[in-house]
């Protein structure tokens, strides 16, 4: 992702801007000499429009690349805290071992989150 870039050429084909995945400006290329005679406000507007379009395009590409990973943290946490079928079986084994050892035993924590507390 760090090397990914997006380029956009302005509507008037005068300038192309290149931005990185974090919307940082990597390059601005003028294709004509028209910018020399443009009013400052018009040149500024052209650059801002091209940069904004490139940033939107970069954000969309980052989102599409990362969206398949959305929710991975929640699934991992659930599996670590007994939110899966294997976790339920382990929880039942803990309960059976605790029952066998007696209530004063501290070998198996009653709360599944106790194992992850600092």
N, C-alpha and C. Protein backbone atom coordinates (compact mmCIF):
# COMPACT_ATOMS: atom_id res chain seq x y z
N UNK A 1 0.82 -1.20 0.00
CA UNK A 1 0.00 0.00 0.00
C UNK A 1 0.87 1.26 0.00
N UNK A 2 2.02 1.21 0.66
CA UNK A 2 2.87 2.40 0.77
C UNK A 2 3.35 2.87 -0.60
N UNK A 3 3.48 1.97 -1.54
CA UNK A 3 3.98 2.34 -2.87
C UNK A 3 2.86 2.65 -3.86
N UNK A 4 1.62 2.40 -3.46
CA UNK A 4 0.47 2.60 -4.34
C UNK A 4 0.28 4.08 -4.63
N UNK A 5 0.06 4.42 -5.90
CA UNK A 5 -0.23 5.80 -6.27
C UNK A 5 -1.44 5.84 -7.20
N UNK A 6 -2.05 7.03 -7.26
CA UNK A 6 -3.19 7.28 -8.12
C UNK A 6 -2.90 8.58 -8.86
N UNK A 7 -3.17 8.59 -10.16
CA UNK A 7 -2.97 9.83 -10.92
C UNK A 7 -4.28 10.26 -11.55
N UNK A 8 -4.46 11.58 -11.60
CA UNK A 8 -5.66 12.16 -12.20
C UNK A 8 -5.22 13.35 -13.04
N UNK A 9 -5.78 13.43 -14.23
CA UNK A 9 -5.52 14.55 -15.12
C UNK A 9 -6.72 15.50 -15.06
N UNK A 10 -6.43 16.79 -15.01
CA UNK A 10 -7.50 17.79 -14.91
C UNK A 10 -8.41 17.74 -16.14
N UNK A 11 -9.60 18.31 -15.99
CA UNK A 11 -10.58 18.29 -17.08
C UNK A 11 -10.03 18.95 -18.35
N UNK A 12 -9.24 20.01 -18.16
CA UNK A 12 -8.70 20.72 -19.33
C UNK A 12 -7.40 20.09 -19.84
N UNK A 13 -7.00 18.95 -19.28
CA UNK A 13 -5.82 18.17 -19.68
C UNK A 13 -4.52 18.95 -19.50
N UNK A 14 -4.55 19.98 -18.69
CA UNK A 14 -3.38 20.81 -18.49
C UNK A 14 -2.41 20.24 -17.46
N UNK A 15 -2.95 19.56 -16.45
CA UNK A 15 -2.11 19.11 -15.34
C UNK A 15 -2.52 17.70 -14.91
N UNK A 16 -1.53 16.94 -14.47
CA UNK A 16 -1.78 15.63 -13.88
C UNK A 16 -1.17 15.64 -12.49
N UNK A 17 -1.94 15.16 -11.52
CA UNK A 17 -1.43 15.06 -10.15
C UNK A 17 -1.37 13.59 -9.76
N UNK A 18 -0.39 13.27 -8.95
CA UNK A 18 -0.21 11.91 -8.45
C UNK A 18 -0.20 11.98 -6.93
N UNK A 19 -1.05 11.16 -6.31
CA UNK A 19 -1.08 11.08 -4.84
C UNK A 19 -0.86 9.64 -4.41
N UNK A 20 -0.37 9.51 -3.17
CA UNK A 20 -0.14 8.19 -2.61
C UNK A 20 -1.38 7.68 -1.89
N UNK A 21 -1.25 6.51 -1.31
CA UNK A 21 -2.38 5.85 -0.63
C UNK A 21 -2.88 6.64 0.56
N UNK A 22 -2.03 7.49 1.15
CA UNK A 22 -2.45 8.31 2.28
C UNK A 22 -2.75 9.74 1.85
N UNK A 23 -3.05 9.91 0.57
CA UNK A 23 -3.41 11.19 -0.03
C UNK A 23 -2.28 12.21 -0.08
N UNK A 24 -1.05 11.76 0.11
CA UNK A 24 0.07 12.69 0.02
C UNK A 24 0.39 12.96 -1.45
N UNK A 25 0.69 14.22 -1.76
CA UNK A 25 0.99 14.60 -3.14
C UNK A 25 2.38 14.08 -3.49
N UNK A 26 2.46 13.29 -4.55
CA UNK A 26 3.74 12.72 -4.97
C UNK A 26 4.32 13.45 -6.18
N UNK A 27 3.43 13.99 -7.05
CA UNK A 27 3.92 14.65 -8.25
C UNK A 27 2.83 15.52 -8.85
N UNK A 28 3.26 16.61 -9.48
CA UNK A 28 2.37 17.48 -10.26
C UNK A 28 3.09 17.74 -11.57
N UNK A 29 2.43 17.39 -12.68
CA UNK A 29 3.02 17.58 -14.01
C UNK A 29 2.13 18.47 -14.84
N UNK A 30 2.71 19.54 -15.38
CA UNK A 30 1.98 20.42 -16.29
C UNK A 30 2.28 19.96 -17.71
N UNK A 31 1.23 19.74 -18.51
CA UNK A 31 1.38 19.21 -19.86
C UNK A 31 1.47 20.32 -20.92
N UNK A 32 1.07 21.51 -20.54
CA UNK A 32 1.13 22.64 -21.47
C UNK A 32 1.70 23.84 -20.73
N UNK A 33 1.86 24.92 -21.45
CA UNK A 33 2.33 26.18 -20.86
C UNK A 33 1.14 27.07 -20.47
N UNK A 34 -0.07 26.56 -20.58
CA UNK A 34 -1.27 27.36 -20.33
C UNK A 34 -1.31 27.92 -18.92
N UNK A 35 -0.71 27.24 -17.98
CA UNK A 35 -0.74 27.72 -16.59
C UNK A 35 -0.07 29.08 -16.44
N UNK A 36 0.83 29.42 -17.35
CA UNK A 36 1.56 30.70 -17.27
C UNK A 36 0.64 31.90 -17.52
N UNK A 37 -0.40 31.71 -18.29
CA UNK A 37 -1.30 32.82 -18.62
C UNK A 37 -2.63 32.74 -17.87
N UNK A 38 -2.81 31.74 -17.06
CA UNK A 38 -4.07 31.59 -16.32
C UNK A 38 -4.12 32.57 -15.16
N UNK A 39 -5.33 32.97 -14.85
CA UNK A 39 -5.52 33.78 -13.64
C UNK A 39 -5.17 32.91 -12.44
N UNK A 40 -4.54 33.47 -11.42
CA UNK A 40 -4.16 32.67 -10.25
C UNK A 40 -5.32 31.87 -9.65
N UNK A 41 -6.49 32.46 -9.57
CA UNK A 41 -7.65 31.76 -9.00
C UNK A 41 -8.03 30.56 -9.85
N UNK A 42 -7.97 30.69 -11.17
CA UNK A 42 -8.32 29.59 -12.07
C UNK A 42 -7.29 28.46 -11.96
N UNK A 43 -6.01 28.81 -11.90
CA UNK A 43 -4.97 27.80 -11.74
C UNK A 43 -5.14 27.08 -10.41
N UNK A 44 -5.39 27.83 -9.36
CA UNK A 44 -5.61 27.22 -8.04
C UNK A 44 -6.79 26.27 -8.05
N UNK A 45 -7.90 26.70 -8.66
CA UNK A 45 -9.10 25.86 -8.74
C UNK A 45 -8.82 24.58 -9.52
N UNK A 46 -8.08 24.68 -10.63
CA UNK A 46 -7.73 23.51 -11.44
C UNK A 46 -6.92 22.51 -10.62
N UNK A 47 -5.93 23.02 -9.89
CA UNK A 47 -5.10 22.14 -9.06
C UNK A 47 -5.90 21.50 -7.94
N UNK A 48 -6.71 22.30 -7.25
CA UNK A 48 -7.50 21.77 -6.13
C UNK A 48 -8.48 20.71 -6.62
N UNK A 49 -9.14 20.94 -7.75
CA UNK A 49 -10.09 19.95 -8.28
C UNK A 49 -9.38 18.64 -8.63
N UNK A 50 -8.23 18.74 -9.28
CA UNK A 50 -7.49 17.53 -9.65
C UNK A 50 -7.00 16.80 -8.41
N UNK A 51 -6.50 17.54 -7.43
CA UNK A 51 -6.01 16.92 -6.19
C UNK A 51 -7.15 16.24 -5.43
N UNK A 52 -8.28 16.90 -5.34
CA UNK A 52 -9.42 16.31 -4.62
C UNK A 52 -9.91 15.05 -5.31
N UNK A 53 -9.96 15.08 -6.63
CA UNK A 53 -10.39 13.88 -7.36
C UNK A 53 -9.41 12.74 -7.14
N UNK A 54 -8.12 13.06 -7.17
CA UNK A 54 -7.10 12.02 -6.95
C UNK A 54 -7.19 11.48 -5.52
N UNK A 55 -7.42 12.33 -4.55
CA UNK A 55 -7.54 11.87 -3.16
C UNK A 55 -8.75 10.97 -2.98
N UNK A 56 -9.87 11.34 -3.59
CA UNK A 56 -11.08 10.50 -3.51
C UNK A 56 -10.81 9.13 -4.14
N UNK A 57 -10.14 9.15 -5.29
CA UNK A 57 -9.83 7.90 -5.98
C UNK A 57 -8.89 7.04 -5.13
N UNK A 58 -7.90 7.67 -4.49
CA UNK A 58 -6.97 6.93 -3.63
C UNK A 58 -7.70 6.32 -2.44
N UNK A 59 -8.58 7.10 -1.80
CA UNK A 59 -9.35 6.58 -0.66
C UNK A 59 -10.21 5.39 -1.08
N UNK A 60 -10.83 5.50 -2.25
CA UNK A 60 -11.68 4.41 -2.74
C UNK A 60 -10.85 3.15 -2.98
N UNK A 61 -9.66 3.30 -3.53
CA UNK A 61 -8.81 2.13 -3.78
C UNK A 61 -8.33 1.51 -2.47
N UNK A 62 -7.97 2.35 -1.50
CA UNK A 62 -7.54 1.83 -0.19
C UNK A 62 -8.71 1.09 0.45
N UNK A 63 -9.89 1.67 0.41
CA UNK A 63 -11.07 1.03 0.99
C UNK A 63 -11.35 -0.32 0.34
N UNK A 64 -11.28 -0.36 -1.00
CA UNK A 64 -11.57 -1.63 -1.67
C UNK A 64 -10.51 -2.69 -1.38
N UNK A 65 -9.27 -2.25 -1.14
CA UNK A 65 -8.21 -3.19 -0.80
C UNK A 65 -8.37 -3.72 0.62
N UNK A 66 -8.76 -2.84 1.54
CA UNK A 66 -8.84 -3.23 2.95
C UNK A 66 -10.20 -3.77 3.38
N UNK A 67 -11.24 -3.53 2.63
CA UNK A 67 -12.58 -3.94 3.05
C UNK A 67 -12.73 -5.44 3.28
N UNK A 68 -12.03 -6.31 2.53
CA UNK A 68 -12.16 -7.74 2.84
C UNK A 68 -11.67 -8.10 4.24
N UNK A 69 -10.83 -7.26 4.83
CA UNK A 69 -10.29 -7.53 6.16
C UNK A 69 -11.16 -6.94 7.27
N UNK A 70 -12.20 -6.21 6.89
CA UNK A 70 -13.07 -5.60 7.89
C UNK A 70 -13.70 -6.67 8.77
N UNK A 71 -13.67 -6.45 10.05
CA UNK A 71 -14.25 -7.39 10.99
C UNK A 71 -13.32 -8.48 11.44
N UNK A 72 -12.12 -8.56 10.88
CA UNK A 72 -11.18 -9.61 11.26
C UNK A 72 -10.85 -9.53 12.74
N UNK A 73 -10.66 -8.33 13.26
CA UNK A 73 -10.33 -8.17 14.68
C UNK A 73 -11.42 -8.70 15.59
N UNK A 74 -12.67 -8.43 15.23
CA UNK A 74 -13.78 -8.93 16.05
C UNK A 74 -13.85 -10.45 16.02
N UNK A 75 -13.64 -11.03 14.83
CA UNK A 75 -13.67 -12.49 14.72
C UNK A 75 -12.53 -13.12 15.51
N UNK A 76 -11.35 -12.50 15.45
CA UNK A 76 -10.20 -13.00 16.20
C UNK A 76 -10.46 -12.91 17.69
N UNK A 77 -10.98 -11.77 18.14
CA UNK A 77 -11.28 -11.60 19.57
C UNK A 77 -12.31 -12.63 20.03
N UNK A 78 -13.35 -12.83 19.24
CA UNK A 78 -14.38 -13.80 19.61
C UNK A 78 -13.79 -15.20 19.74
N UNK A 79 -12.91 -15.55 18.81
CA UNK A 79 -12.32 -16.89 18.88
C UNK A 79 -11.40 -17.02 20.09
N UNK A 80 -10.73 -15.93 20.47
CA UNK A 80 -9.83 -15.98 21.62
C UNK A 80 -10.59 -16.01 22.94
N UNK A 81 -11.80 -15.46 22.95
CA UNK A 81 -12.58 -15.39 24.18
C UNK A 81 -13.70 -16.43 24.23
N UNK A 82 -13.60 -17.43 23.39
CA UNK A 82 -14.57 -18.52 23.45
C UNK A 82 -15.81 -18.29 22.64
N UNK A 83 -15.75 -17.44 21.63
CA UNK A 83 -16.92 -17.16 20.81
C UNK A 83 -17.08 -18.10 19.64
N UNK A 84 -16.34 -19.19 19.61
CA UNK A 84 -16.44 -20.14 18.50
C UNK A 84 -16.87 -21.49 19.06
N UNK A 85 -17.16 -22.42 18.17
CA UNK A 85 -17.55 -23.77 18.61
C UNK A 85 -16.43 -24.42 19.42
N UNK A 86 -15.20 -24.26 18.99
CA UNK A 86 -14.07 -24.83 19.74
C UNK A 86 -14.01 -24.18 21.12
N UNK A 87 -14.23 -22.88 21.17
CA UNK A 87 -14.22 -22.17 22.45
C UNK A 87 -15.30 -22.68 23.38
N UNK A 88 -16.46 -23.01 22.85
CA UNK A 88 -17.56 -23.54 23.67
C UNK A 88 -17.19 -24.90 24.24
N UNK A 89 -16.54 -25.74 23.43
CA UNK A 89 -16.11 -27.05 23.90
C UNK A 89 -15.08 -26.89 25.01
N UNK A 90 -14.12 -25.97 24.81
CA UNK A 90 -13.10 -25.73 25.83
C UNK A 90 -13.75 -25.21 27.12
N UNK A 91 -14.74 -24.36 26.98
CA UNK A 91 -15.45 -23.84 28.15
C UNK A 91 -16.14 -24.97 28.91
N UNK A 92 -16.74 -25.90 28.19
CA UNK A 92 -17.39 -27.06 28.84
C UNK A 92 -16.35 -27.93 29.54
N UNK A 93 -15.19 -28.09 28.92
CA UNK A 93 -14.12 -28.86 29.56
C UNK A 93 -13.64 -28.16 30.84
N UNK A 94 -13.52 -26.85 30.78
CA UNK A 94 -13.14 -26.08 31.97
C UNK A 94 -14.17 -26.28 33.08
N UNK A 95 -15.45 -26.20 32.72
CA UNK A 95 -16.50 -26.37 33.72
C UNK A 95 -16.46 -27.77 34.32
N UNK A 96 -16.24 -28.77 33.50
CA UNK A 96 -16.17 -30.15 33.99
C UNK A 96 -14.97 -30.33 34.91
N UNK A 97 -13.84 -29.77 34.55
CA UNK A 97 -12.64 -29.88 35.38
C UNK A 97 -12.82 -29.14 36.70
N UNK A 98 -13.48 -27.99 36.66
CA UNK A 98 -13.73 -27.21 37.87
C UNK A 98 -14.67 -27.97 38.80
N UNK A 99 -15.69 -28.59 38.21
CA UNK A 99 -16.64 -29.39 38.98
C UNK A 99 -15.93 -30.53 39.69
N UNK A 100 -15.05 -31.19 38.98
CA UNK A 100 -14.31 -32.31 39.53
C UNK A 100 -13.34 -31.87 40.63
N UNK A 101 -12.69 -30.69 40.44
CA UNK A 101 -11.70 -30.20 41.40
C UNK A 101 -12.34 -29.57 42.62
N UNK A 102 -13.55 -29.10 42.50
CA UNK A 102 -14.21 -28.46 43.63
C UNK A 102 -14.19 -26.95 43.50
N UNK A 103 -15.08 -26.25 44.22
CA UNK A 103 -15.22 -24.81 44.07
C UNK A 103 -14.01 -24.01 44.56
N UNK A 104 -13.21 -24.55 45.50
CA UNK A 104 -12.07 -23.77 46.01
C UNK A 104 -10.86 -23.81 45.08
N UNK A 105 -10.91 -24.60 44.05
CA UNK A 105 -9.80 -24.69 43.10
C UNK A 105 -9.73 -23.43 42.25
N UNK A 106 -8.51 -22.92 42.06
CA UNK A 106 -8.33 -21.73 41.22
C UNK A 106 -7.62 -22.09 39.93
N UNK A 107 -7.52 -23.37 39.65
CA UNK A 107 -6.81 -23.80 38.47
C UNK A 107 -7.47 -23.32 37.17
N UNK A 108 -8.76 -23.35 37.09
CA UNK A 108 -9.48 -22.90 35.90
C UNK A 108 -10.30 -21.66 36.25
N UNK A 109 -10.04 -20.54 35.62
CA UNK A 109 -10.84 -19.34 35.92
C UNK A 109 -12.29 -19.52 35.48
N UNK A 110 -13.19 -18.99 36.28
CA UNK A 110 -14.62 -19.09 35.94
C UNK A 110 -14.98 -18.14 34.79
N UNK A 111 -14.33 -16.99 34.74
CA UNK A 111 -14.63 -16.00 33.72
C UNK A 111 -13.63 -16.14 32.58
N UNK A 112 -14.09 -16.43 31.35
CA UNK A 112 -13.16 -16.62 30.23
C UNK A 112 -12.27 -15.41 30.01
N UNK A 113 -12.73 -14.20 30.37
CA UNK A 113 -11.92 -13.00 30.17
C UNK A 113 -10.79 -12.89 31.20
N UNK A 114 -10.88 -13.66 32.32
CA UNK A 114 -9.81 -13.61 33.32
C UNK A 114 -8.48 -14.01 32.73
N UNK A 115 -8.49 -14.86 31.72
CA UNK A 115 -7.25 -15.33 31.13
C UNK A 115 -6.54 -14.25 30.34
N UNK A 116 -7.28 -13.23 29.92
CA UNK A 116 -6.65 -12.18 29.10
C UNK A 116 -6.40 -10.90 29.87
N UNK A 117 -6.85 -10.81 31.14
CA UNK A 117 -6.62 -9.60 31.95
C UNK A 117 -5.16 -9.48 32.32
N UNK A 118 -4.72 -8.22 32.45
CA UNK A 118 -3.34 -7.97 32.89
C UNK A 118 -3.19 -8.12 34.37
